[in-house]
C-alpha cells in the first residue's frame, strides 16, 4: 500500500482550500502557493520544497503556520504532524479557534450559561448568559478571559464564588495534569509563571503537587444582580478537538431560573 507524503497532503489541502476574498479567487481551484506561504509566515520557495518532499525536516512553528494557513483542525492537524514525523504538540492543538462542533452545541443552549474553553482555561466562545454570569470577565489585557486568572486574581471572585477554595484546588490540579503532558505549550508555561507572581493562593496550592480532581457536579454563584444561583454542570469534548471543553450550567431550582431571567432582561 502506498502511503501519502507530507508534500502530497499539503498540495491536496491547498488545492481544496477556499479563497477568503475576491482578489484571491482564480480559475484554478484552491489557493496559490503565495497565498498559503504568506498566511503561514514562510517563503514561497520553502513551501514549494515542502510540497515536493525536498525538505529534510520541518519545525513545529512551520507546521503550526501551515495548519493555520490551510485551516486544519483536529484530525487533519494530527495527520499533518504525523506525516512530518513527529507527535502533535499541545501548542499545535490548543488554539483560540472553537471547534465547529463546540459552536453548534453552544447555539443549542441559549437559555443556560455556556462556554467553550481550551485546556489552558481560555474562554474561546460563550453565550450572553455566561458572559453576564461572570460579570463580563476580567480586565487583564491578555488573561481577562482566562478562567484560571479570573478565579484566582479578579477581586470580585471571592464574593462571586462561594466554593472558591474548592474551585481553586480543582483548577490547580487540572493545570498540573495538563502541564505534565510530554509535549510543550509555551503559553501554558507563561500562564503558570504569571499566576505564581500574581496570586498568593496559586503560590500556596501549586507546590502541593495535588492531582486529585474533585467532582464538578454542582456550581454555586452569588451574583450581585441575580442573587444566589446553583447549577448542575454538564461538559462535552468534541471528538475533533480533544483540548476543548464545552460546559453548560443547568439551573437546579426555580430560584436559579428566575435569577437567570433577571440576567437575560438586564440588557
C-alpha atoms as a PDB file:
ATOM      1  CA  UNK A   1       0.000   0.000   0.000  1.00  0.00           C
ATOM      2  CA  UNK A   2       1.371   3.425  -0.942  1.00  0.00           C
ATOM      3  CA  UNK A   3       1.231   5.916   1.940  1.00  0.00           C
ATOM      4  CA  UNK A   4       0.693   9.622   1.432  1.00  0.00           C
ATOM      5  CA  UNK A   5       3.601  12.001   1.858  1.00  0.00           C
ATOM      6  CA  UNK A   6       3.716  15.375   3.554  1.00  0.00           C
ATOM      7  CA  UNK A   7       4.042  17.091   0.177  1.00  0.00           C
ATOM      8  CA  UNK A   8       1.029  15.289  -1.281  1.00  0.00           C
ATOM      9  CA  UNK A   9      -1.106  16.222   1.706  1.00  0.00           C
ATOM     10  CA  UNK A  10      -0.058  19.888   1.595  1.00  0.00           C
ATOM     11  CA  UNK A  11      -0.760  20.146  -2.129  1.00  0.00           C
ATOM     12  CA  UNK A  12      -4.142  18.458  -1.778  1.00  0.00           C
ATOM     13  CA  UNK A  13      -5.218  20.689   1.091  1.00  0.00           C
ATOM     14  CA  UNK A  14      -4.033  23.828  -0.709  1.00  0.00           C
ATOM     15  CA  UNK A  15      -5.958  22.873  -3.828  1.00  0.00           C
ATOM     16  CA  UNK A  16      -9.109  22.286  -1.755  1.00  0.00           C
ATOM     17  CA  UNK A  17      -8.794  25.459   0.313  1.00  0.00           C
ATOM     18  CA  UNK A  18     -11.280  28.247  -0.277  1.00  0.00           C
ATOM     19  CA  UNK A  19     -10.189  31.783  -1.068  1.00  0.00           C
ATOM     20  CA  UNK A  20     -11.364  34.296   1.540  1.00  0.00           C
ATOM     21  CA  UNK A  21     -11.895  37.229  -0.790  1.00  0.00           C
ATOM     22  CA  UNK A  22     -12.483  38.002  -4.438  1.00  0.00           C
ATOM     23  CA  UNK A  23      -8.893  39.091  -5.062  1.00  0.00           C
ATOM     24  CA  UNK A  24      -7.609  35.639  -4.040  1.00  0.00           C
ATOM     25  CA  UNK A  25     -10.116  33.752  -6.226  1.00  0.00           C
ATOM     26  CA  UNK A  26      -8.924  32.362  -9.544  1.00  0.00           C
ATOM     27  CA  UNK A  27      -9.954  29.925 -12.223  1.00  0.00           C
ATOM     28  CA  UNK A  28      -7.766  27.146 -10.869  1.00  0.00           C
ATOM     29  CA  UNK A  29      -9.334  25.680  -7.699  1.00  0.00           C
ATOM     30  CA  UNK A  30      -7.723  26.349  -4.346  1.00  0.00           C
ATOM     31  CA  UNK A  31      -5.116  28.817  -3.172  1.00  0.00           C
ATOM     32  CA  UNK A  32      -1.870  29.905  -4.754  1.00  0.00           C
ATOM     33  CA  UNK A  33       1.387  28.982  -3.062  1.00  0.00           C
ATOM     34  CA  UNK A  34       1.938  32.690  -2.480  1.00  0.00           C
ATOM     35  CA  UNK A  35      -1.321  32.932  -0.503  1.00  0.00           C
ATOM     36  CA  UNK A  36      -0.555  29.946   1.715  1.00  0.00           C
ATOM     37  CA  UNK A  37       3.072  30.958   2.260  1.00  0.00           C
ATOM     38  CA  UNK A  38       2.048  34.458   3.333  1.00  0.00           C
ATOM     39  CA  UNK A  39      -0.550  33.131   5.781  1.00  0.00           C
ATOM     40  CA  UNK A  40       1.895  30.579   7.184  1.00  0.00           C
ATOM     41  CA  UNK A  41       4.714  33.093   7.566  1.00  0.00           C
ATOM     42  CA  UNK A  42       7.161  31.190   5.350  1.00  0.00           C
ATOM     43  CA  UNK A  43       8.722  31.783   1.934  1.00  0.00           C
ATOM     44  CA  UNK A  44       7.161  30.544  -1.279  1.00  0.00           C
ATOM     45  CA  UNK A  45      10.366  28.625  -2.017  1.00  0.00           C
ATOM     46  CA  UNK A  46      10.177  26.836   1.333  1.00  0.00           C
ATOM     47  CA  UNK A  47       6.545  25.871   0.721  1.00  0.00           C
ATOM     48  CA  UNK A  48       7.496  24.550  -2.721  1.00  0.00           C
ATOM     49  CA  UNK A  49      10.254  22.443  -1.174  1.00  0.00           C
ATOM     50  CA  UNK A  50       7.778  21.022   1.341  1.00  0.00           C
ATOM     51  CA  UNK A  51       5.201  20.208  -1.336  1.00  0.00           C
ATOM     52  CA  UNK A  52       7.896  18.476  -3.402  1.00  0.00           C
ATOM     53  CA  UNK A  53       9.170  16.484  -0.381  1.00  0.00           C
ATOM     54  CA  UNK A  54      12.599  18.128  -0.689  1.00  0.00           C
ATOM     55  CA  UNK A  55      12.804  19.328   2.940  1.00  0.00           C
ATOM     56  CA  UNK A  56      14.708  17.077   5.345  1.00  0.00           C
ATOM     57  CA  UNK A  57      13.000  18.459   8.446  1.00  0.00           C
ATOM     58  CA  UNK A  58      10.225  20.890   9.295  1.00  0.00           C
ATOM     59  CA  UNK A  59       9.821  22.737  12.592  1.00  0.00           C
ATOM     60  CA  UNK A  60       6.768  22.839  14.839  1.00  0.00           C
ATOM     61  CA  UNK A  61       6.485  26.570  14.120  1.00  0.00           C
ATOM     62  CA  UNK A  62       6.220  25.912  10.376  1.00  0.00           C
ATOM     63  CA  UNK A  63       3.706  23.098  10.923  1.00  0.00           C
ATOM     64  CA  UNK A  64       1.620  25.369  13.097  1.00  0.00           C
ATOM     65  CA  UNK A  65       1.753  28.113  10.462  1.00  0.00           C
ATOM     66  CA  UNK A  66       0.685  25.684   7.744  1.00  0.00           C
ATOM     67  CA  UNK A  67      -2.161  24.378   9.913  1.00  0.00           C
ATOM     68  CA  UNK A  68      -3.397  27.913  10.390  1.00  0.00           C
ATOM     69  CA  UNK A  69      -2.974  28.851   6.735  1.00  0.00           C
ATOM     70  CA  UNK A  70      -4.844  25.789   5.467  1.00  0.00           C
ATOM     71  CA  UNK A  71      -7.500  25.805   8.193  1.00  0.00           C
ATOM     72  CA  UNK A  72      -6.541  22.379   9.526  1.00  0.00           C
ATOM     73  CA  UNK A  73      -8.240  21.300  12.759  1.00  0.00           C
ATOM     74  CA  UNK A  74      -8.491  18.155  14.842  1.00  0.00           C
ATOM     75  CA  UNK A  75      -7.574  15.006  12.947  1.00  0.00           C
ATOM     76  CA  UNK A  76      -6.289  16.976   9.941  1.00  0.00           C
ATOM     77  CA  UNK A  77      -3.742  18.753  12.107  1.00  0.00           C
ATOM     78  CA  UNK A  78      -2.778  15.498  13.797  1.00  0.00           C
ATOM     79  CA  UNK A  79      -2.265  13.887  10.384  1.00  0.00           C
ATOM     80  CA  UNK A  80      -0.042  16.769   9.227  1.00  0.00           C
ATOM     81  CA  UNK A  81       2.231  16.379  12.250  1.00  0.00           C
ATOM     82  CA  UNK A  82       2.434  12.624  11.814  1.00  0.00           C
ATOM     83  CA  UNK A  83       3.356  12.950   8.147  1.00  0.00           C
ATOM     84  CA  UNK A  84       6.146  15.276   9.267  1.00  0.00           C
ATOM     85  CA  UNK A  85       7.436  12.517  11.543  1.00  0.00           C
ATOM     86  CA  UNK A  86       6.628  13.940  14.919  1.00  0.00           C
ATOM     87  CA  UNK A  87       3.965  13.793  17.598  1.00  0.00           C
ATOM     88  CA  UNK A  88       1.377  16.521  17.661  1.00  0.00           C
ATOM     89  CA  UNK A  89       2.436  19.145  20.175  1.00  0.00           C
ATOM     90  CA  UNK A  90      -0.047  20.595  22.625  1.00  0.00           C
ATOM     91  CA  UNK A  91       0.971  24.025  21.386  1.00  0.00           C
ATOM     92  CA  UNK A  92      -0.335  22.975  17.984  1.00  0.00           C
ATOM     93  CA  UNK A  93      -3.630  21.654  19.318  1.00  0.00           C
ATOM     94  CA  UNK A  94      -4.536  24.237  21.945  1.00  0.00           C
ATOM     95  CA  UNK A  95      -5.981  27.000  19.797  1.00  0.00           C
ATOM     96  CA  UNK A  96      -8.083  30.112  20.163  1.00  0.00           C
ATOM     97  CA  UNK A  97     -10.475  28.867  17.486  1.00  0.00           C
ATOM     98  CA  UNK A  98     -13.530  26.995  18.811  1.00  0.00           C
ATOM     99  CA  UNK A  99     -14.285  23.753  17.012  1.00  0.00           C
ATOM    100  CA  UNK A 100     -17.379  23.845  14.796  1.00  0.00           C
ATOM    101  CA  UNK A 101     -18.990  21.102  16.894  1.00  0.00           C
ATOM    102  CA  UNK A 102     -18.480  23.202  20.016  1.00  0.00           C
ATOM    103  CA  UNK A 103     -20.120  26.196  18.362  1.00  0.00           C
ATOM    104  CA  UNK A 104     -23.050  24.057  17.197  1.00  0.00           C
ATOM    105  CA  UNK A 105     -23.661  22.788  20.743  1.00  0.00           C
ATOM    106  CA  UNK A 106     -23.308  26.287  22.164  1.00  0.00           C
ATOM    107  CA  UNK A 107     -26.041  27.529  19.840  1.00  0.00           C
ATOM    108  CA  UNK A 108     -28.468  24.934  21.243  1.00  0.00           C
ATOM    109  CA  UNK A 109     -28.376  26.226  24.830  1.00  0.00           C
ATOM    110  CA  UNK A 110     -29.134  29.974  24.671  1.00  0.00           C
ATOM    111  CA  UNK A 111     -31.170  29.814  27.898  1.00  0.00           C
ATOM    112  CA  UNK A 112     -28.331  28.377  30.019  1.00  0.00           C
ATOM    113  CA  UNK A 113     -24.870  29.844  30.707  1.00  0.00           C
ATOM    114  CA  UNK A 114     -22.480  28.038  28.362  1.00  0.00           C
ATOM    115  CA  UNK A 115     -18.896  28.428  27.206  1.00  0.00           C
ATOM    116  CA  UNK A 116     -16.098  26.701  25.310  1.00  0.00           C
ATOM    117  CA  UNK A 117     -12.623  26.731  26.856  1.00  0.00           C
ATOM    118  CA  UNK A 118      -9.297  25.197  25.896  1.00  0.00           C
ATOM    119  CA  UNK A 119      -7.071  23.241  28.282  1.00  0.00           C
ATOM    120  CA  UNK A 120      -5.342  26.436  29.457  1.00  0.00           C
ATOM    121  CA  UNK A 121      -8.717  27.718  30.634  1.00  0.00           C
ATOM    122  CA  UNK A 122      -9.037  30.380  27.929  1.00  0.00           C
ATOM    123  CA  UNK A 123     -12.702  31.016  27.132  1.00  0.00           C
ATOM    124  CA  UNK A 124     -12.755  30.946  23.323  1.00  0.00           C
ATOM    125  CA  UNK A 125     -16.539  31.085  22.863  1.00  0.00           C
ATOM    126  CA  UNK A 126     -19.508  31.766  25.120  1.00  0.00           C
ATOM    127  CA  UNK A 127     -23.102  32.866  25.113  1.00  0.00           C
ATOM    128  CA  UNK A 128     -24.550  36.035  26.600  1.00  0.00           C
ATOM    129  CA  UNK A 129     -25.733  34.418  29.837  1.00  0.00           C
ATOM    130  CA  UNK A 130     -22.268  33.063  30.634  1.00  0.00           C
ATOM    131  CA  UNK A 131     -20.738  36.471  29.922  1.00  0.00           C
ATOM    132  CA  UNK A 132     -23.146  38.168  32.322  1.00  0.00           C
ATOM    133  CA  UNK A 133     -22.874  35.421  34.933  1.00  0.00           C
ATOM    134  CA  UNK A 134     -19.114  36.020  35.140  1.00  0.00           C
ATOM    135  CA  UNK A 135     -19.502  39.807  35.215  1.00  0.00           C
ATOM    136  CA  UNK A 136     -18.158  40.309  31.705  1.00  0.00           C
ATOM    137  CA  UNK A 137     -14.926  38.539  32.760  1.00  0.00           C
ATOM    138  CA  UNK A 138     -11.803  40.357  33.894  1.00  0.00           C
ATOM    139  CA  UNK A 139      -9.919  43.432  32.743  1.00  0.00           C
ATOM    140  CA  UNK A 140      -6.453  41.874  32.326  1.00  0.00           C
ATOM    141  CA  UNK A 141      -5.291  42.749  28.757  1.00  0.00           C
ATOM    142  CA  UNK A 142      -4.232  39.150  27.999  1.00  0.00           C
ATOM    143  CA  UNK A 143      -5.803  36.937  30.655  1.00  0.00           C
ATOM    144  CA  UNK A 144      -9.138  38.626  31.272  1.00  0.00           C
ATOM    145  CA  UNK A 145     -10.946  35.719  29.600  1.00  0.00           C
ATOM    146  CA  UNK A 146      -8.864  33.010  31.231  1.00  0.00           C
ATOM    147  CA  UNK A 147     -10.851  31.178  33.921  1.00  0.00           C
ATOM    148  CA  UNK A 148      -7.763  30.390  35.993  1.00  0.00           C
ATOM    149  CA  UNK A 149      -6.768  34.023  36.194  1.00  0.00           C
ATOM    150  CA  UNK A 150     -10.361  35.143  36.796  1.00  0.00           C
ATOM    151  CA  UNK A 151     -10.996  32.836  39.747  1.00  0.00           C
ATOM    152  CA  UNK A 152      -7.593  33.393  41.354  1.00  0.00           C
ATOM    153  CA  UNK A 153      -6.928  37.060  40.605  1.00  0.00           C
ATOM    154  CA  UNK A 154     -10.101  39.001  39.872  1.00  0.00           C
ATOM    155  CA  UNK A 155     -11.003  40.989  43.021  1.00  0.00           C
ATOM    156  CA  UNK A 156     -14.700  40.139  42.555  1.00  0.00           C
ATOM    157  CA  UNK A 157     -14.121  36.374  42.553  1.00  0.00           C
ATOM    158  CA  UNK A 158     -14.229  35.758  46.332  1.00  0.00           C
ATOM    159  CA  UNK A 159     -17.748  37.193  46.543  1.00  0.00           C
ATOM    160  CA  UNK A 160     -18.898  35.639  43.269  1.00  0.00           C
ATOM    161  CA  UNK A 161     -17.884  32.047  44.057  1.00  0.00           C
ATOM    162  CA  UNK A 162     -18.958  30.712  47.493  1.00  0.00           C
ATOM    163  CA  UNK A 163     -16.962  27.500  46.848  1.00  0.00           C
ATOM    164  CA  UNK A 164     -13.904  29.342  45.545  1.00  0.00           C
ATOM    165  CA  UNK A 165     -11.371  27.320  47.548  1.00  0.00           C
ATOM    166  CA  UNK A 166     -12.595  24.070  46.006  1.00  0.00           C
ATOM    167  CA  UNK A 167     -12.632  25.745  42.578  1.00  0.00           C
ATOM    168  CA  UNK A 168      -9.017  26.849  43.007  1.00  0.00           C
ATOM    169  CA  UNK A 169      -7.914  23.375  44.097  1.00  0.00           C
ATOM    170  CA  UNK A 170      -9.636  21.781  41.109  1.00  0.00           C
ATOM    171  CA  UNK A 171      -8.158  24.267  38.639  1.00  0.00           C
ATOM    172  CA  UNK A 172      -4.652  23.849  40.047  1.00  0.00           C
ATOM    173  CA  UNK A 173      -4.900  20.069  39.813  1.00  0.00           C
ATOM    174  CA  UNK A 174      -6.143  20.271  36.241  1.00  0.00           C
ATOM    175  CA  UNK A 175      -3.332  22.632  35.209  1.00  0.00           C
ATOM    176  CA  UNK A 176      -0.762  20.295  36.732  1.00  0.00           C
ATOM    177  CA  UNK A 177      -2.141  17.381  34.732  1.00  0.00           C
ATOM    178  CA  UNK A 178      -2.083  19.421  31.523  1.00  0.00           C
ATOM    179  CA  UNK A 179       1.463  20.626  32.249  1.00  0.00           C
ATOM    180  CA  UNK A 180       2.613  17.029  32.771  1.00  0.00           C
ATOM    181  CA  UNK A 181       1.988  16.178  29.112  1.00  0.00           C
ATOM    182  CA  UNK A 182       5.215  15.343  27.258  1.00  0.00           C
ATOM    183  CA  UNK A 183       4.516  17.984  24.606  1.00  0.00           C
ATOM    184  CA  UNK A 184       5.328  21.607  25.281  1.00  0.00           C
ATOM    185  CA  UNK A 185       2.917  24.547  25.384  1.00  0.00           C
ATOM    186  CA  UNK A 186       4.776  27.852  25.894  1.00  0.00           C
ATOM    187  CA  UNK A 187       1.563  29.753  26.587  1.00  0.00           C
ATOM    188  CA  UNK A 188       0.703  27.365  29.412  1.00  0.00           C
ATOM    189  CA  UNK A 189       4.172  27.913  30.877  1.00  0.00           C
ATOM    190  CA  UNK A 190       3.637  31.663  30.636  1.00  0.00           C
ATOM    191  CA  UNK A 191       0.241  31.398  32.368  1.00  0.00           C
ATOM    192  CA  UNK A 192       1.656  29.367  35.252  1.00  0.00           C
ATOM    193  CA  UNK A 193       4.575  31.776  35.617  1.00  0.00           C
ATOM    194  CA  UNK A 194       2.261  34.760  35.735  1.00  0.00           C
ATOM    195  CA  UNK A 195      -0.062  33.086  38.226  1.00  0.00           C
ATOM    196  CA  UNK A 196       2.872  32.366  40.536  1.00  0.00           C
ATOM    197  CA  UNK A 197       3.654  36.082  40.511  1.00  0.00           C
ATOM    198  CA  UNK A 198       0.134  37.472  40.751  1.00  0.00           C
ATOM    199  CA  UNK A 199      -1.716  35.106  43.104  1.00  0.00           C
ATOM    200  CA  UNK A 200      -0.836  34.226  46.681  1.00  0.00           C
ATOM    201  CA  UNK A 201      -3.422  31.429  46.586  1.00  0.00           C
ATOM    202  CA  UNK A 202      -1.824  29.934  43.471  1.00  0.00           C
ATOM    203  CA  UNK A 203       1.627  30.107  45.090  1.00  0.00           C
ATOM    204  CA  UNK A 204       0.145  28.235  48.056  1.00  0.00           C
ATOM    205  CA  UNK A 205      -1.558  25.489  46.036  1.00  0.00           C
ATOM    206  CA  UNK A 206       0.842  24.884  43.144  1.00  0.00           C
ATOM    207  CA  UNK A 207       3.717  23.348  45.187  1.00  0.00           C
ATOM    208  CA  UNK A 208       1.370  20.810  46.801  1.00  0.00           C
ATOM    209  CA  UNK A 209       1.543  18.608  43.667  1.00  0.00           C
ATOM    210  CA  UNK A 210      -2.144  17.749  44.013  1.00  0.00           C
ATOM    211  CA  UNK A 211      -3.587  15.938  41.012  1.00  0.00           C
ATOM    212  CA  UNK A 212      -6.777  14.516  42.509  1.00  0.00           C
ATOM    213  CA  UNK A 213      -9.629  16.063  40.574  1.00  0.00           C
ATOM    214  CA  UNK A 214     -12.752  16.604  42.620  1.00  0.00           C
ATOM    215  CA  UNK A 215     -16.196  16.121  41.177  1.00  0.00           C
ATOM    216  CA  UNK A 216     -17.805  19.004  39.350  1.00  0.00           C
ATOM    217  CA  UNK A 217     -21.455  18.068  39.729  1.00  0.00           C
ATOM    218  CA  UNK A 218     -22.643  21.416  41.088  1.00  0.00           C
ATOM    219  CA  UNK A 219     -21.595  25.044  40.732  1.00  0.00           C
ATOM    220  CA  UNK A 220     -22.659  27.839  43.084  1.00  0.00           C
ATOM    221  CA  UNK A 221     -22.520  31.511  42.129  1.00  0.00           C
ATOM    222  CA  UNK A 222     -23.567  34.503  44.208  1.00  0.00           C
ATOM    223  CA  UNK A 223     -24.300  37.087  41.557  1.00  0.00           C
ATOM    224  CA  UNK A 224     -24.755  40.762  42.571  1.00  0.00           C
ATOM    225  CA  UNK A 225     -27.847  41.103  40.341  1.00  0.00           C
ATOM    226  CA  UNK A 226     -29.250  37.574  40.085  1.00  0.00           C
ATOM    227  CA  UNK A 227     -28.612  36.527  43.698  1.00  0.00           C
ATOM    228  CA  UNK A 228     -27.616  33.023  44.882  1.00  0.00           C
ATOM    229  CA  UNK A 229     -27.563  30.571  41.973  1.00  0.00           C
ATOM    230  CA  UNK A 230     -26.935  26.823  41.840  1.00  0.00           C
ATOM    231  CA  UNK A 231     -26.266  24.837  38.688  1.00  0.00           C
ATOM    232  CA  UNK A 232     -25.705  21.279  37.568  1.00  0.00           C
ATOM    233  CA  UNK A 233     -22.561  21.178  35.402  1.00  0.00           C
ATOM    234  CA  UNK A 234     -22.589  19.373  32.065  1.00  0.00           C
ATOM    235  CA  UNK A 235     -19.477  19.079  29.898  1.00  0.00           C
ATOM    236  CA  UNK A 236     -18.624  17.664  26.487  1.00  0.00           C
ATOM    237  CA  UNK A 237     -15.428  17.380  24.442  1.00  0.00           C
ATOM    238  CA  UNK A 238     -15.632  17.469  20.622  1.00  0.00           C
ATOM    239  CA  UNK A 239     -14.039  14.373  19.080  1.00  0.00           C
ATOM    240  CA  UNK A 240     -12.072  16.586  16.700  1.00  0.00           C
ATOM    241  CA  UNK A 241     -10.789  18.937  19.413  1.00  0.00           C
ATOM    242  CA  UNK A 242      -9.601  16.994  22.482  1.00  0.00           C
ATOM    243  CA  UNK A 243      -8.215  20.136  24.119  1.00  0.00           C
ATOM    244  CA  UNK A 244     -11.542  21.973  24.102  1.00  0.00           C
ATOM    245  CA  UNK A 245     -14.384  21.519  26.560  1.00  0.00           C
ATOM    246  CA  UNK A 246     -17.969  22.679  26.215  1.00  0.00           C
ATOM    247  CA  UNK A 247     -19.574  23.428  29.577  1.00  0.00           C
ATOM    248  CA  UNK A 248     -23.153  24.465  30.174  1.00  0.00           C
ATOM    249  CA  UNK A 249     -24.786  25.202  33.507  1.00  0.00           C
ATOM    250  CA  UNK A 250     -28.284  23.876  34.111  1.00  0.00           C
ATOM    251  CA  UNK A 251     -30.374  25.625  36.803  1.00  0.00           C
ATOM    252  CA  UNK A 252     -31.282  23.190  39.572  1.00  0.00           C
ATOM    253  CA  UNK A 253     -34.216  25.121  41.032  1.00  0.00           C
ATOM    254  CA  UNK A 254     -36.802  27.794  40.324  1.00  0.00           C
ATOM    255  CA  UNK A 255     -34.852  30.481  42.178  1.00  0.00           C
ATOM    256  CA  UNK A 256     -31.851  29.981  39.894  1.00  0.00           C
ATOM    257  CA  UNK A 257     -34.062  30.023  36.820  1.00  0.00           C
ATOM    258  CA  UNK A 258     -35.612  33.289  37.999  1.00  0.00           C
ATOM    259  CA  UNK A 259     -32.126  34.709  38.587  1.00  0.00           C
ATOM    260  CA  UNK A 260     -31.111  33.823  35.031  1.00  0.00           C
ATOM    261  CA  UNK A 261     -34.271  35.517  33.770  1.00  0.00           C
ATOM    262  CA  UNK A 262     -33.139  38.712  35.530  1.00  0.00           C
ATOM    263  CA  UNK A 263     -29.732  38.404  33.851  1.00  0.00           C
ATOM    264  CA  UNK A 264     -31.371  37.898  30.465  1.00  0.00           C
ATOM    265  CA  UNK A 265     -33.511  41.001  30.943  1.00  0.00           C
ATOM    266  CA  UNK A 266     -30.596  43.127  32.162  1.00  0.00           C
ATOM    267  CA  UNK A 267     -29.656  44.109  28.594  1.00  0.00           C
END
